[in-house]
């Protein structure tokens, strides 16, 4: 394998390992600070870092939305308000198993992307892709219930938490699906502007919720308590992971890169087990079903793509 290809695979690996670690790391942080203010501090810092990078790399002109302000704002709001608010709120509600559920939901994002492409770009999925999604849903169901259907209807709000995390994952899929509409832009420019505009929504929502008494400003003690998690989420799961993912996928291609999403739940599983969480057989089998469905769908799409290319030649 060429050195460039190895570099691309390494970048994808760095990204997914960083994302896989963020859910176990967020578990204790969510006991100290609500996910809304945490998002404000996290992505507020990320927005500043991206803005500085964009300014020095591409210059002041790169901040011009060129008539795309509304689309950039909607996409940024979907990612940095919708994803963070919903996923981490769901993780907090779910309790100790929240990090496992959230990481598994991240793994099914490529399959959610099939649905988004169907609705947004009218790209009808294949029967195999639909079958893969059904298998993945079964896997998620096993992870959530741990073999006990009563969990969904019990008072621990597991069902609500799962729905919130699923909607949050869908928000991120919508965000990444908007990238092709800005093919003439650099990844840095798209990421920086959507982050900045998304933070406008995050700030307005949090300010309104605080004024209405729904949220309380965190104390300095709370901020200090989550400082380690903030550093990780800003630098590794934020700036480094995003750049590594986009850079790696540009080299190895999305078909190869997306397979690395399987490592997100695996990483979370390992870290969570080390932290003392006991994983049930149902959770393990459910995670494997999600991974298998994603790999199978990827290999099938790869086969169909190669077949069309051969026929075209």
Protein backbone atom coordinates (compact mmCIF):
# COMPACT_ATOMS: atom_id res chain seq x y z
CA UNK A 1 0.00 0.00 0.00
CA UNK A 2 1.29 3.46 -0.85
CA UNK A 3 2.33 5.77 1.96
CA UNK A 4 -0.45 8.20 1.08
CA UNK A 5 -3.06 5.44 1.46
CA UNK A 6 -1.62 4.43 4.83
CA UNK A 7 -1.76 8.05 5.95
CA UNK A 8 -5.41 8.26 4.92
CA UNK A 9 -6.30 5.13 6.89
CA UNK A 10 -4.39 6.44 9.90
CA UNK A 11 -6.30 9.72 9.79
CA UNK A 12 -9.65 7.88 9.70
CA UNK A 13 -8.50 5.73 12.60
CA UNK A 14 -7.53 8.77 14.69
CA UNK A 15 -10.94 10.35 14.04
CA UNK A 16 -13.11 7.39 14.99
CA UNK A 17 -11.03 6.50 18.06
CA UNK A 18 -11.45 10.11 19.23
CA UNK A 19 -15.21 9.98 18.65
CA UNK A 20 -15.52 6.57 20.28
CA UNK A 21 -13.88 7.88 23.42
CA UNK A 22 -16.08 10.95 23.78
CA UNK A 23 -19.20 9.15 25.05
CA UNK A 24 -17.57 7.40 28.05
CA UNK A 25 -15.70 10.62 28.83
CA UNK A 26 -18.94 12.62 28.72
CA UNK A 27 -20.73 10.33 31.21
CA UNK A 28 -19.19 11.82 34.38
CA UNK A 29 -19.18 15.32 32.85
CA UNK A 30 -22.96 15.20 32.30
CA UNK A 31 -23.43 14.59 36.03
CA UNK A 32 -21.76 17.94 36.70
CA UNK A 33 -22.98 20.16 33.85
CA UNK A 34 -26.03 20.03 31.60
CA UNK A 35 -25.40 19.17 27.92
CA UNK A 36 -26.60 22.60 26.76
CA UNK A 37 -24.00 24.77 28.48
CA UNK A 38 -21.38 22.12 27.82
CA UNK A 39 -22.16 22.44 24.11
CA UNK A 40 -21.84 26.22 24.37
CA UNK A 41 -18.37 25.98 25.91
CA UNK A 42 -17.28 23.14 23.64
CA UNK A 43 -18.34 24.41 20.24
CA UNK A 44 -17.79 28.03 21.21
CA UNK A 45 -14.12 27.13 21.61
CA UNK A 46 -14.12 25.01 18.44
CA UNK A 47 -15.70 27.89 16.47
CA UNK A 48 -12.98 30.27 17.61
CA UNK A 49 -10.22 27.80 16.65
CA UNK A 50 -11.72 27.18 13.20
CA UNK A 51 -12.27 30.92 12.66
CA UNK A 52 -8.61 31.68 13.46
CA UNK A 53 -7.42 28.87 11.16
CA UNK A 54 -9.67 30.04 8.32
CA UNK A 55 -8.53 33.63 8.70
CA UNK A 56 -4.82 32.82 8.48
CA UNK A 57 -5.09 30.03 5.88
CA UNK A 58 -7.69 31.42 3.45
CA UNK A 59 -8.03 35.07 4.47
CA UNK A 60 -10.96 37.34 5.43
CA UNK A 61 -12.78 36.75 2.12
CA UNK A 62 -13.40 33.12 3.09
CA UNK A 63 -15.92 34.30 5.71
CA UNK A 64 -18.26 35.54 2.97
CA UNK A 65 -21.19 33.05 2.76
CA UNK A 66 -21.74 34.02 -0.90
CA UNK A 67 -25.51 33.94 -0.60
CA UNK A 68 -25.58 30.66 1.33
CA UNK A 69 -26.13 32.09 4.80
CA UNK A 70 -29.53 30.43 5.32
CA UNK A 71 -28.35 26.98 4.23
CA UNK A 72 -25.13 27.24 6.24
CA UNK A 73 -27.08 28.39 9.29
CA UNK A 74 -29.59 25.53 9.02
CA UNK A 75 -26.85 22.94 8.53
CA UNK A 76 -24.77 24.36 11.37
CA UNK A 77 -27.81 24.46 13.66
CA UNK A 78 -28.59 20.84 12.80
CA UNK A 79 -25.06 19.71 13.67
CA UNK A 80 -23.96 21.83 16.58
CA UNK A 81 -27.30 22.45 18.28
CA UNK A 82 -29.37 19.47 17.17
CA UNK A 83 -26.68 16.79 17.41
CA UNK A 84 -25.05 17.91 20.65
CA UNK A 85 -28.22 18.86 22.51
CA UNK A 86 -30.16 15.72 21.59
CA UNK A 87 -27.39 13.09 21.76
CA UNK A 88 -25.90 14.17 25.07
CA UNK A 89 -29.28 14.88 26.64
CA UNK A 90 -30.31 11.37 25.63
CA UNK A 91 -27.07 9.95 27.01
CA UNK A 92 -27.66 11.74 30.32
CA UNK A 93 -31.23 10.44 30.57
CA UNK A 94 -30.16 6.86 29.74
CA UNK A 95 -27.69 6.75 32.62
CA UNK A 96 -24.76 4.28 32.73
CA UNK A 97 -25.73 2.59 29.45
CA UNK A 98 -26.07 5.94 27.66
CA UNK A 99 -22.54 5.91 26.25
CA UNK A 100 -23.07 2.46 24.71
CA UNK A 101 -26.42 3.40 23.17
CA UNK A 102 -25.02 6.67 21.80
CA UNK A 103 -21.94 5.03 20.26
CA UNK A 104 -24.05 2.35 18.56
CA UNK A 105 -26.31 5.05 17.13
CA UNK A 106 -23.24 6.75 15.68
CA UNK A 107 -22.35 3.51 13.90
CA UNK A 108 -25.69 3.41 12.08
CA UNK A 109 -25.27 6.93 10.73
CA UNK A 110 -24.17 5.67 7.27
CA UNK A 111 -27.46 3.77 7.03
CA UNK A 112 -29.37 6.84 8.19
CA UNK A 113 -27.55 8.65 5.40
CA UNK A 114 -29.26 6.32 2.92
CA UNK A 115 -32.64 7.57 4.15
CA UNK A 116 -31.54 11.21 4.03
CA UNK A 117 -30.28 10.77 0.45
CA UNK A 118 -33.64 9.18 -0.44
CA UNK A 119 -35.64 12.13 0.93
CA UNK A 120 -33.22 14.96 0.12
CA UNK A 121 -31.69 13.93 -3.20
CA UNK A 122 -34.30 11.40 -4.36
CA UNK A 123 -31.70 8.62 -4.43
CA UNK A 124 -33.78 5.51 -3.85
CA UNK A 125 -31.94 2.92 -1.73
CA UNK A 126 -31.45 -0.65 -2.84
CA UNK A 127 -33.37 -3.50 -1.24
CA UNK A 128 -30.12 -4.68 0.30
CA UNK A 129 -29.58 -1.28 1.97
CA UNK A 130 -33.12 -1.39 3.39
CA UNK A 131 -32.48 -4.91 4.69
CA UNK A 132 -29.23 -3.74 6.27
CA UNK A 133 -31.11 -0.95 8.04
CA UNK A 134 -33.64 -3.41 9.43
CA UNK A 135 -30.84 -5.62 10.78
CA UNK A 136 -29.15 -2.56 12.29
CA UNK A 137 -32.41 -1.51 13.96
CA UNK A 138 -32.69 -4.99 15.49
CA UNK A 139 -29.14 -4.61 16.79
CA UNK A 140 -29.89 -1.22 18.32
CA UNK A 141 -33.06 -2.66 19.87
CA UNK A 142 -30.98 -5.39 21.53
CA UNK A 143 -28.47 -2.89 22.90
CA UNK A 144 -31.21 -0.67 24.31
CA UNK A 145 -33.32 -3.41 25.92
CA UNK A 146 -30.48 -5.74 27.03
CA UNK A 147 -32.93 -8.60 26.47
CA UNK A 148 -35.66 -7.10 28.65
CA UNK A 149 -38.50 -5.53 26.64
CA UNK A 150 -39.94 -4.01 29.81
CA UNK A 151 -37.06 -1.50 29.82
CA UNK A 152 -38.69 0.41 26.98
CA UNK A 153 -41.86 0.91 29.00
CA UNK A 154 -40.32 1.28 32.46
CA UNK A 155 -39.84 4.52 34.29
CA UNK A 156 -36.15 4.99 33.48
CA UNK A 157 -36.89 6.86 30.21
CA UNK A 158 -34.71 4.54 28.10
CA UNK A 159 -37.12 4.78 25.17
CA UNK A 160 -37.12 8.60 25.29
CA UNK A 161 -33.33 8.65 25.56
CA UNK A 162 -32.98 6.38 22.53
CA UNK A 163 -35.31 8.54 20.42
CA UNK A 164 -33.36 11.68 21.36
CA UNK A 165 -30.02 10.07 20.49
CA UNK A 166 -31.41 8.75 17.19
CA UNK A 167 -32.70 12.22 16.24
CA UNK A 168 -29.33 13.69 17.19
CA UNK A 169 -27.52 11.19 14.97
CA UNK A 170 -29.91 12.08 12.15
CA UNK A 171 -29.04 15.77 12.63
CA UNK A 172 -25.35 14.99 12.05
CA UNK A 173 -26.18 12.95 8.95
CA UNK A 174 -28.14 15.92 7.55
CA UNK A 175 -25.14 18.16 8.24
CA UNK A 176 -22.65 15.92 6.44
CA UNK A 177 -25.11 15.45 3.57
CA UNK A 178 -24.82 19.16 2.86
CA UNK A 179 -21.11 18.98 2.04
CA UNK A 180 -21.63 18.16 -1.69
CA UNK A 181 -23.56 21.43 -2.09
CA UNK A 182 -20.32 23.30 -1.32
CA UNK A 183 -17.97 21.31 -3.54
CA UNK A 184 -16.13 24.48 -4.54
CA UNK A 185 -15.26 25.26 -0.93
CA UNK A 186 -12.51 23.81 1.22
CA UNK A 187 -13.51 21.53 4.08
CA UNK A 188 -12.06 24.10 6.49
CA UNK A 189 -14.28 26.87 5.14
CA UNK A 190 -17.44 24.74 5.25
CA UNK A 191 -16.67 23.51 8.75
CA UNK A 192 -15.72 26.94 10.10
CA UNK A 193 -18.76 28.80 8.77
CA UNK A 194 -21.28 26.14 9.76
CA UNK A 195 -19.74 26.00 13.23
CA UNK A 196 -19.90 29.78 13.63
CA UNK A 197 -23.49 30.03 12.38
CA UNK A 198 -24.53 27.00 14.38
CA UNK A 199 -23.18 28.66 17.51
CA UNK A 200 -25.53 31.58 16.89
CA UNK A 201 -28.45 29.19 17.34
CA UNK A 202 -26.83 27.49 20.34
CA UNK A 203 -26.29 30.87 22.04
CA UNK A 204 -29.84 32.11 21.36
CA UNK A 205 -31.44 28.87 22.57
CA UNK A 206 -29.38 28.77 25.77
CA UNK A 207 -29.91 32.47 26.50
CA UNK A 208 -33.69 32.12 26.07
CA UNK A 209 -33.82 28.94 28.19
CA UNK A 210 -31.79 30.60 30.94
CA UNK A 211 -34.00 33.71 30.98
CA UNK A 212 -37.09 31.51 31.23
CA UNK A 213 -35.57 29.62 34.14
CA UNK A 214 -35.23 26.29 32.31
CA UNK A 215 -31.45 26.36 32.56
CA UNK A 216 -29.03 27.72 35.14
CA UNK A 217 -25.62 29.14 34.42
CA UNK A 218 -22.95 26.72 35.65
CA UNK A 219 -20.75 27.74 38.54
CA UNK A 220 -16.99 28.05 38.33
CA UNK A 221 -16.77 24.87 40.38
CA UNK A 222 -18.84 23.03 37.73
CA UNK A 223 -16.70 24.42 34.91
CA UNK A 224 -13.56 23.28 36.69
CA UNK A 225 -15.16 19.86 37.21
CA UNK A 226 -15.61 19.32 33.47
CA UNK A 227 -12.40 21.03 32.36
CA UNK A 228 -10.72 17.74 31.43
CA UNK A 229 -13.71 16.60 29.38
CA UNK A 230 -13.86 20.01 27.68
CA UNK A 231 -10.22 19.82 26.63
CA UNK A 232 -10.80 16.37 25.13
CA UNK A 233 -14.07 17.34 23.41
CA UNK A 234 -12.67 20.57 21.97
CA UNK A 235 -9.23 19.44 20.82
CA UNK A 236 -9.50 15.69 20.13
CA UNK A 237 -13.20 14.97 19.47
CA UNK A 238 -13.61 18.41 17.91
CA UNK A 239 -10.81 19.97 15.90
CA UNK A 240 -8.46 16.98 15.47
CA UNK A 241 -11.17 14.40 14.74
CA UNK A 242 -13.00 16.56 12.18
CA UNK A 243 -9.84 17.43 10.29
CA UNK A 244 -8.49 13.89 10.45
CA UNK A 245 -11.80 12.45 9.22
CA UNK A 246 -12.17 14.84 6.30
CA UNK A 247 -8.50 14.50 5.34
CA UNK A 248 -8.56 10.70 5.57
CA UNK A 249 -11.76 10.33 3.56
CA UNK A 250 -10.37 12.56 0.85
CA UNK A 251 -7.48 10.10 0.41
CA UNK A 252 -9.12 6.68 0.84
CA UNK A 253 -12.62 7.64 -0.33
CA UNK A 254 -15.92 7.57 1.59
CA UNK A 255 -16.61 3.88 0.83
CA UNK A 256 -13.43 2.85 2.64
CA UNK A 257 -13.54 5.56 5.26
CA UNK A 258 -17.07 4.84 6.43
CA UNK A 259 -16.04 1.35 7.54
CA UNK A 260 -14.07 2.95 10.34
CA UNK A 261 -17.35 4.04 11.95
CA UNK A 262 -17.56 0.46 13.22
CA UNK A 263 -14.77 1.32 15.66
CA UNK A 264 -16.85 3.98 17.42
CA UNK A 265 -18.98 1.53 19.46
CA UNK A 266 -16.01 -0.82 19.85
CA UNK A 267 -13.92 1.96 21.39
CA UNK A 268 -16.78 2.99 23.65
CA UNK A 269 -17.30 -0.63 24.72
CA UNK A 270 -13.65 -1.04 25.69
CA UNK A 271 -13.44 2.23 27.63
CA UNK A 272 -16.77 1.62 29.35
CA UNK A 273 -15.77 -1.92 30.41
CA UNK A 274 -12.46 -0.62 31.77
CA UNK A 275 -14.51 1.90 33.74
CA UNK A 276 -16.41 -0.94 35.43
CA UNK A 277 -19.57 -1.25 33.33
CA UNK A 278 -20.79 -4.83 32.81
CA UNK A 279 -21.83 -5.43 29.19
CA UNK A 280 -24.59 -7.99 28.72
CA UNK A 281 -24.61 -10.63 25.98
CA UNK A 282 -27.54 -8.87 24.31
CA UNK A 283 -25.62 -5.59 24.12
CA UNK A 284 -22.62 -7.35 22.61
CA UNK A 285 -24.67 -9.26 20.02
CA UNK A 286 -26.65 -6.13 19.19
CA UNK A 287 -23.46 -4.16 18.59
CA UNK A 288 -22.14 -6.94 16.34
CA UNK A 289 -25.37 -6.90 14.30
CA UNK A 290 -25.00 -3.17 13.72
CA UNK A 291 -21.37 -3.58 12.65
CA UNK A 292 -22.14 -6.54 10.36
CA UNK A 293 -25.03 -4.71 8.68
CA UNK A 294 -22.83 -1.68 8.02
CA UNK A 295 -20.00 -3.77 6.57
CA UNK A 296 -22.38 -5.83 4.43
CA UNK A 297 -24.06 -2.72 3.05
CA UNK A 298 -20.66 -1.17 2.33
CA UNK A 299 -19.39 -4.25 0.50
CA UNK A 300 -22.61 -4.52 -1.53
CA UNK A 301 -22.45 -0.86 -2.57
CA UNK A 302 -18.79 -1.36 -3.49
CA UNK A 303 -19.75 -4.37 -5.65
CA UNK A 304 -22.55 -2.47 -7.40
CA UNK A 305 -20.28 0.50 -8.03
CA UNK A 306 -17.53 -1.67 -9.54
CA UNK A 307 -20.07 -3.55 -11.66
CA UNK A 308 -21.46 -0.31 -13.11
CA UNK A 309 -17.94 0.90 -13.86
CA UNK A 310 -17.11 -2.35 -15.70
CA UNK A 311 -20.33 -2.14 -17.71
CA UNK A 312 -19.59 1.48 -18.59
CA UNK A 313 -16.13 0.52 -19.87
